[in-house]
C-alpha atoms as a PDB file:
ATOM      1  CA  UNK A   1      -0.204  -0.562  -0.430  1.00  0.00           C
ATOM      2  CA  UNK A   2       1.140   3.077  -0.587  1.00  0.00           C
ATOM      3  CA  UNK A   3       0.273   6.447  -0.400  1.00  0.00           C
ATOM      4  CA  UNK A   4      -1.486   8.444  -3.312  1.00  0.00           C
ATOM      5  CA  UNK A   5      -0.570  12.124  -4.573  1.00  0.00           C
ATOM      6  CA  UNK A   6      -2.808  14.729  -5.383  1.00  0.00           C
ATOM      7  CA  UNK A   7      -2.201  13.871  -9.034  1.00  0.00           C
ATOM      8  CA  UNK A   8      -3.776  10.023  -8.454  1.00  0.00           C
ATOM      9  CA  UNK A   9      -6.849  10.543  -6.128  1.00  0.00           C
ATOM     10  CA  UNK A  10      -9.164   7.780  -6.868  1.00  0.00           C
ATOM     11  CA  UNK A  11     -12.932  10.619  -5.997  1.00  0.00           C
ATOM     12  CA  UNK A  12     -15.247  10.803  -8.564  1.00  0.00           C
ATOM     13  CA  UNK A  13     -16.571  14.285  -9.521  1.00  0.00           C
ATOM     14  CA  UNK A  14     -19.838  15.424  -7.950  1.00  0.00           C
ATOM     15  CA  UNK A  15     -21.575  18.573  -7.686  1.00  0.00           C
ATOM     16  CA  UNK A  16     -23.586  19.414  -4.714  1.00  0.00           C
ATOM     17  CA  UNK A  17     -25.703  22.034  -5.130  1.00  0.00           C
ATOM     18  CA  UNK A  18     -25.417  23.573  -1.722  1.00  0.00           C
ATOM     19  CA  UNK A  19     -24.777  27.088  -1.053  1.00  0.00           C
ATOM     20  CA  UNK A  20     -23.076  28.336   2.020  1.00  0.00           C
ATOM     21  CA  UNK A  21     -24.149  32.098   3.622  1.00  0.00           C
ATOM     22  CA  UNK A  22     -21.172  33.193   5.357  1.00  0.00           C
ATOM     23  CA  UNK A  23     -23.225  35.719   8.388  1.00  0.00           C
ATOM     24  CA  UNK A  24     -20.866  37.393   9.110  1.00  0.00           C
ATOM     25  CA  UNK A  25     -17.997  35.452   9.494  1.00  0.00           C
ATOM     26  CA  UNK A  26     -14.162  37.023  10.175  1.00  0.00           C
ATOM     27  CA  UNK A  27     -11.935  34.720  10.819  1.00  0.00           C
ATOM     28  CA  UNK A  28      -9.356  34.423   7.942  1.00  0.00           C
ATOM     29  CA  UNK A  29      -8.968  30.858   8.977  1.00  0.00           C
ATOM     30  CA  UNK A  30     -11.529  30.297   8.855  1.00  0.00           C
ATOM     31  CA  UNK A  31     -12.250  31.797   5.479  1.00  0.00           C
ATOM     32  CA  UNK A  32      -9.714  29.788   3.980  1.00  0.00           C
ATOM     33  CA  UNK A  33     -10.863  26.389   5.206  1.00  0.00           C
ATOM     34  CA  UNK A  34     -14.448  26.826   4.442  1.00  0.00           C
ATOM     35  CA  UNK A  35     -13.246  27.410   0.693  1.00  0.00           C
ATOM     36  CA  UNK A  36     -11.269  24.443   1.116  1.00  0.00           C
ATOM     37  CA  UNK A  37     -14.435  22.689   2.023  1.00  0.00           C
ATOM     38  CA  UNK A  38     -16.082  23.718  -0.497  1.00  0.00           C
ATOM     39  CA  UNK A  39     -13.601  22.300  -2.977  1.00  0.00           C
ATOM     40  CA  UNK A  40     -13.792  19.403  -1.063  1.00  0.00           C
ATOM     41  CA  UNK A  41     -17.723  19.171  -1.715  1.00  0.00           C
ATOM     42  CA  UNK A  42     -17.104  20.549  -5.022  1.00  0.00           C
ATOM     43  CA  UNK A  43     -20.330  23.111  -4.033  1.00  0.00           C
ATOM     44  CA  UNK A  44     -22.552  25.982  -6.317  1.00  0.00           C
ATOM     45  CA  UNK A  45     -21.257  28.790  -4.791  1.00  0.00           C
ATOM     46  CA  UNK A  46     -20.425  30.315  -1.407  1.00  0.00           C
ATOM     47  CA  UNK A  47     -22.180  34.303  -0.598  1.00  0.00           C
ATOM     48  CA  UNK A  48     -20.708  36.507   2.016  1.00  0.00           C
ATOM     49  CA  UNK A  49     -23.011  38.528   3.765  1.00  0.00           C
ATOM     50  CA  UNK A  50     -21.953  41.774   6.347  1.00  0.00           C
ATOM     51  CA  UNK A  51     -17.959  41.460   6.334  1.00  0.00           C
ATOM     52  CA  UNK A  52     -15.821  41.188   2.993  1.00  0.00           C
ATOM     53  CA  UNK A  53     -13.287  38.289   3.287  1.00  0.00           C
ATOM     54  CA  UNK A  54      -9.973  39.732   3.034  1.00  0.00           C
ATOM     55  CA  UNK A  55      -8.930  37.383   0.306  1.00  0.00           C
ATOM     56  CA  UNK A  56      -5.036  39.355  -0.284  1.00  0.00           C
ATOM     57  CA  UNK A  57      -4.740  37.868   3.043  1.00  0.00           C
ATOM     58  CA  UNK A  58      -1.727  35.061   3.462  1.00  0.00           C
ATOM     59  CA  UNK A  59      -3.035  33.728   5.944  1.00  0.00           C
ATOM     60  CA  UNK A  60      -6.776  32.764   3.750  1.00  0.00           C
ATOM     61  CA  UNK A  61      -4.515  32.158   0.645  1.00  0.00           C
ATOM     62  CA  UNK A  62      -2.588  29.527   3.266  1.00  0.00           C
ATOM     63  CA  UNK A  63      -5.178  27.454   4.609  1.00  0.00           C
ATOM     64  CA  UNK A  64      -7.534  27.494   1.419  1.00  0.00           C
ATOM     65  CA  UNK A  65      -4.635  26.325  -0.681  1.00  0.00           C
ATOM     66  CA  UNK A  66      -5.541  28.503  -3.493  1.00  0.00           C
ATOM     67  CA  UNK A  67      -9.297  27.039  -3.449  1.00  0.00           C
ATOM     68  CA  UNK A  68     -10.079  30.505  -3.473  1.00  0.00           C
ATOM     69  CA  UNK A  69      -9.224  31.459  -6.545  1.00  0.00           C
ATOM     70  CA  UNK A  70     -11.641  28.463  -8.255  1.00  0.00           C
ATOM     71  CA  UNK A  71     -14.631  28.638  -5.776  1.00  0.00           C
ATOM     72  CA  UNK A  72     -17.813  30.641  -7.423  1.00  0.00           C
ATOM     73  CA  UNK A  73     -18.806  32.961  -4.430  1.00  0.00           C
ATOM     74  CA  UNK A  74     -20.116  36.884  -4.359  1.00  0.00           C
ATOM     75  CA  UNK A  75     -20.121  39.124  -1.787  1.00  0.00           C
ATOM     76  CA  UNK A  76     -24.279  40.550  -1.173  1.00  0.00           C
ATOM     77  CA  UNK A  77     -25.343  43.184   0.842  1.00  0.00           C
ATOM     78  CA  UNK A  78     -28.959  42.366   1.611  1.00  0.00           C
ATOM     79  CA  UNK A  79     -28.606  38.779   2.013  1.00  0.00           C
ATOM     80  CA  UNK A  80     -32.251  39.047   3.569  1.00  0.00           C
ATOM     81  CA  UNK A  81     -33.223  39.983   0.030  1.00  0.00           C
ATOM     82  CA  UNK A  82     -31.078  36.664  -1.864  1.00  0.00           C
ATOM     83  CA  UNK A  83     -32.987  34.708   1.475  1.00  0.00           C
ATOM     84  CA  UNK A  84     -36.201  35.154   0.690  1.00  0.00           C
ATOM     85  CA  UNK A  85     -35.886  35.154  -3.366  1.00  0.00           C
ATOM     86  CA  UNK A  86     -33.730  31.839  -2.745  1.00  0.00           C
ATOM     87  CA  UNK A  87     -36.079  29.620  -1.361  1.00  0.00           C
ATOM     88  CA  UNK A  88     -38.783  29.290  -4.140  1.00  0.00           C
ATOM     89  CA  UNK A  89     -36.755  27.104  -5.308  1.00  0.00           C
ATOM     90  CA  UNK A  90     -33.980  25.988  -2.430  1.00  0.00           C
ATOM     91  CA  UNK A  91     -34.360  25.068   1.125  1.00  0.00           C
ATOM     92  CA  UNK A  92     -32.402  26.702   3.524  1.00  0.00           C
ATOM     93  CA  UNK A  93     -30.641  25.697   6.856  1.00  0.00           C
ATOM     94  CA  UNK A  94     -29.162  27.504   9.551  1.00  0.00           C
ATOM     95  CA  UNK A  95     -26.287  25.584  11.294  1.00  0.00           C
ATOM     96  CA  UNK A  96     -27.393  26.922  14.929  1.00  0.00           C
ATOM     97  CA  UNK A  97     -28.578  25.237  18.247  1.00  0.00           C
ATOM     98  CA  UNK A  98     -31.815  26.539  18.919  1.00  0.00           C
ATOM     99  CA  UNK A  99     -34.827  24.559  20.733  1.00  0.00           C
ATOM    100  CA  UNK A 100     -35.964  23.872  17.358  1.00  0.00           C
ATOM    101  CA  UNK A 101     -32.890  22.350  15.887  1.00  0.00           C
ATOM    102  CA  UNK A 102     -32.608  18.808  15.074  1.00  0.00           C
ATOM    103  CA  UNK A 103     -29.299  16.993  14.710  1.00  0.00           C
ATOM    104  CA  UNK A 104     -27.511  17.066  10.730  1.00  0.00           C
ATOM    105  CA  UNK A 105     -26.933  13.511  10.610  1.00  0.00           C
ATOM    106  CA  UNK A 106     -30.807  13.168  10.339  1.00  0.00           C
ATOM    107  CA  UNK A 107     -31.332  15.518   7.490  1.00  0.00           C
ATOM    108  CA  UNK A 108     -33.234  14.619   5.018  1.00  0.00           C
ATOM    109  CA  UNK A 109     -33.156  15.314   1.551  1.00  0.00           C
ATOM    110  CA  UNK A 110     -36.320  16.215  -0.160  1.00  0.00           C
ATOM    111  CA  UNK A 111     -35.848  16.833  -3.680  1.00  0.00           C
ATOM    112  CA  UNK A 112     -38.344  19.051  -4.517  1.00  0.00           C
ATOM    113  CA  UNK A 113     -36.619  22.631  -4.435  1.00  0.00           C
ATOM    114  CA  UNK A 114     -33.791  20.988  -5.997  1.00  0.00           C
ATOM    115  CA  UNK A 115     -30.972  23.759  -4.390  1.00  0.00           C
ATOM    116  CA  UNK A 116     -29.802  23.541  -0.698  1.00  0.00           C
ATOM    117  CA  UNK A 117     -28.690  27.371   1.362  1.00  0.00           C
ATOM    118  CA  UNK A 118     -26.162  25.890   4.845  1.00  0.00           C
ATOM    119  CA  UNK A 119     -26.143  29.394   6.473  1.00  0.00           C
ATOM    120  CA  UNK A 120     -22.115  30.005   8.804  1.00  0.00           C
ATOM    121  CA  UNK A 121     -22.996  31.931  11.673  1.00  0.00           C
ATOM    122  CA  UNK A 122     -19.807  34.127  13.264  1.00  0.00           C
ATOM    123  CA  UNK A 123     -17.498  32.910  15.555  1.00  0.00           C
ATOM    124  CA  UNK A 124     -18.969  34.905  18.514  1.00  0.00           C
ATOM    125  CA  UNK A 125     -22.582  35.780  17.958  1.00  0.00           C
ATOM    126  CA  UNK A 126     -23.181  33.049  15.816  1.00  0.00           C
ATOM    127  CA  UNK A 127     -26.568  33.563  13.568  1.00  0.00           C
ATOM    128  CA  UNK A 128     -28.792  36.487  13.076  1.00  0.00           C
ATOM    129  CA  UNK A 129     -32.077  36.141  14.041  1.00  0.00           C
ATOM    130  CA  UNK A 130     -33.523  37.369  11.028  1.00  0.00           C
ATOM    131  CA  UNK A 131     -31.597  34.298   9.173  1.00  0.00           C
ATOM    132  CA  UNK A 132     -32.600  31.941  11.514  1.00  0.00           C
ATOM    133  CA  UNK A 133     -36.435  32.683  11.308  1.00  0.00           C
ATOM    134  CA  UNK A 134     -36.189  32.614   7.149  1.00  0.00           C
ATOM    135  CA  UNK A 135     -34.427  29.143   7.457  1.00  0.00           C
ATOM    136  CA  UNK A 136     -36.785  26.254   7.223  1.00  0.00           C
ATOM    137  CA  UNK A 137     -35.439  23.955   9.502  1.00  0.00           C
ATOM    138  CA  UNK A 138     -31.958  24.484  12.058  1.00  0.00           C
ATOM    139  CA  UNK A 139     -29.383  22.102  12.178  1.00  0.00           C
ATOM    140  CA  UNK A 140     -26.978  21.385  14.505  1.00  0.00           C
ATOM    141  CA  UNK A 141     -24.496  18.991  15.703  1.00  0.00           C
ATOM    142  CA  UNK A 142     -25.081  16.202  18.416  1.00  0.00           C
ATOM    143  CA  UNK A 143     -21.843  16.992  20.820  1.00  0.00           C
ATOM    144  CA  UNK A 144     -20.597  15.168  23.925  1.00  0.00           C
ATOM    145  CA  UNK A 145     -18.416  17.519  26.015  1.00  0.00           C
ATOM    146  CA  UNK A 146     -18.632  20.243  28.599  1.00  0.00           C
ATOM    147  CA  UNK A 147     -18.557  22.792  25.651  1.00  0.00           C
ATOM    148  CA  UNK A 148     -21.821  23.614  23.206  1.00  0.00           C
ATOM    149  CA  UNK A 149     -20.087  24.974  20.390  1.00  0.00           C
ATOM    150  CA  UNK A 150     -16.971  23.921  17.688  1.00  0.00           C
ATOM    151  CA  UNK A 151     -15.243  26.336  15.250  1.00  0.00           C
ATOM    152  CA  UNK A 152     -17.095  27.026  12.678  1.00  0.00           C
ATOM    153  CA  UNK A 153     -14.750  26.070   9.588  1.00  0.00           C
ATOM    154  CA  UNK A 154     -14.913  21.897  11.798  1.00  0.00           C
ATOM    155  CA  UNK A 155     -18.932  22.932  11.671  1.00  0.00           C
ATOM    156  CA  UNK A 156     -18.888  23.287   8.280  1.00  0.00           C
ATOM    157  CA  UNK A 157     -17.260  20.057   7.363  1.00  0.00           C
ATOM    158  CA  UNK A 158     -19.372  17.915   8.885  1.00  0.00           C
ATOM    159  CA  UNK A 159     -22.762  19.795   8.331  1.00  0.00           C
ATOM    160  CA  UNK A 160     -21.033  18.568   4.535  1.00  0.00           C
ATOM    161  CA  UNK A 161     -20.170  15.631   5.313  1.00  0.00           C
ATOM    162  CA  UNK A 162     -23.921  14.881   6.239  1.00  0.00           C
ATOM    163  CA  UNK A 163     -25.593  16.516   3.212  1.00  0.00           C
ATOM    164  CA  UNK A 164     -23.515  15.643   0.457  1.00  0.00           C
ATOM    165  CA  UNK A 165     -24.172  11.446   2.067  1.00  0.00           C
ATOM    166  CA  UNK A 166     -27.571  12.241   2.828  1.00  0.00           C
ATOM    167  CA  UNK A 167     -27.827  14.098  -1.359  1.00  0.00           C
ATOM    168  CA  UNK A 168     -25.988  10.988  -2.656  1.00  0.00           C
ATOM    169  CA  UNK A 169     -28.352   8.254  -0.619  1.00  0.00           C
ATOM    170  CA  UNK A 170     -31.600  10.531  -2.646  1.00  0.00           C
ATOM    171  CA  UNK A 171     -29.684  10.144  -5.737  1.00  0.00           C
ATOM    172  CA  UNK A 172     -28.923   6.866  -6.010  1.00  0.00           C
ATOM    173  CA  UNK A 173     -32.380   6.001  -5.373  1.00  0.00           C
END
């Protein structure tokens, strides 16, 4: 057995109908990691709401491993308008622990609305209440230690894995 290089990978290509909305995420390493995850899961795009990322940041570039150059992204001045417009053909999920949230591993892809929007929140304050209100569902990651939160980039990876797994199973039906 030998370790494969990036050029020898054996993964099949698949595009997932997922858009990430980043609600005031400020950490350059977090943003770089989210770009890298967006590339790994081949999602449609990233929407930045609130704070424009500093794409010239060396830390962001290093963490993203240049995926910030290949993953589609845009900045929106009015995320609520974007979400209301997208709601016609997208299901909107917020990754946030709330009184109504369900574990992300219980996520079910209905396929009725073909696209998924996943809202991710600020490192300290989480997701804006207006975004939570417009969401169809709230998802959380079950945690078993003392802390009730985890790094936003790590949480994004877990959520994208669970959501893409469910979409792939739905597509095989």
